[in-house]
Amino acid sequence: METTPPPHALHDRAAENLRFIRDTMARSAAFTAVPGRGGVAMGLLAVGAALLAHRQPSPGRWLAVWLGTAPVAFALGVAFMRRKARASGVPLVRGAGRRFVLAAVPALLAGILLTGALVLRSRYELLPGVWLLLYGTGVATGGSASIRLIPLLGACFMGLGAAALVSPEAWGDAFMAAGFGGLQIVFGLLIAWRHGG
């Protein structure tokens, strides 16, 4: 004689199955809190920084402009990302948001370490290429957990970085303006148009 499981056991199993489905969907979902408007704001800031940096009389002052701009741009990006995530109900520290950050951070840390090493050796001319290349790498790898435009943005940054590394030193700020300014603005507008925020 076959026995029917008690009703509470069926309910527990159904709840467990629903949790599994919800967690699986969250892990497979694309990170959509990448802020289009934030990209535009960061891009405009970078264009201004490129113009200001290009006028500096020494490599040290040039570096100070860019190192002063970086945390402001980072703060802008995070603020816009938090706003978009909150509005769309996407968690930043779980699921796809966590994967996005964990995939992007190693390249950005490598950029910080290489910046220190290159500055110690007075190789300022390599910094634009290194920054663009490693930022692009971080965006491309982080973008694997995001919408399709993000890995493409990363690839464009990487291409600019590679070109900057083999171009004349005097073109560094133009590459920085094209990447951190132009690419951020163009892709920011595309993201805002297609994905909101």
Foldseek 3Di string as FASTA:
>chain_A
DDDDDDPVVVVVVVVVVVVVVVQVCLQQAALLLQALVLLQVQQVLLLVLLVVLLPDPDLVVSVVSVVVSVVVSVVSRVVSSVVSCVVVVNDCCDHLNVQLCVQLPVLVVVLVVVVVVCVVVVNSLLNLLSVLQSNLRSQLRSNVRHDPLRVVLSVVSNVLSVVSNPDDSSCSSVSSSCNSHVSSNVSSVVSCVPRND
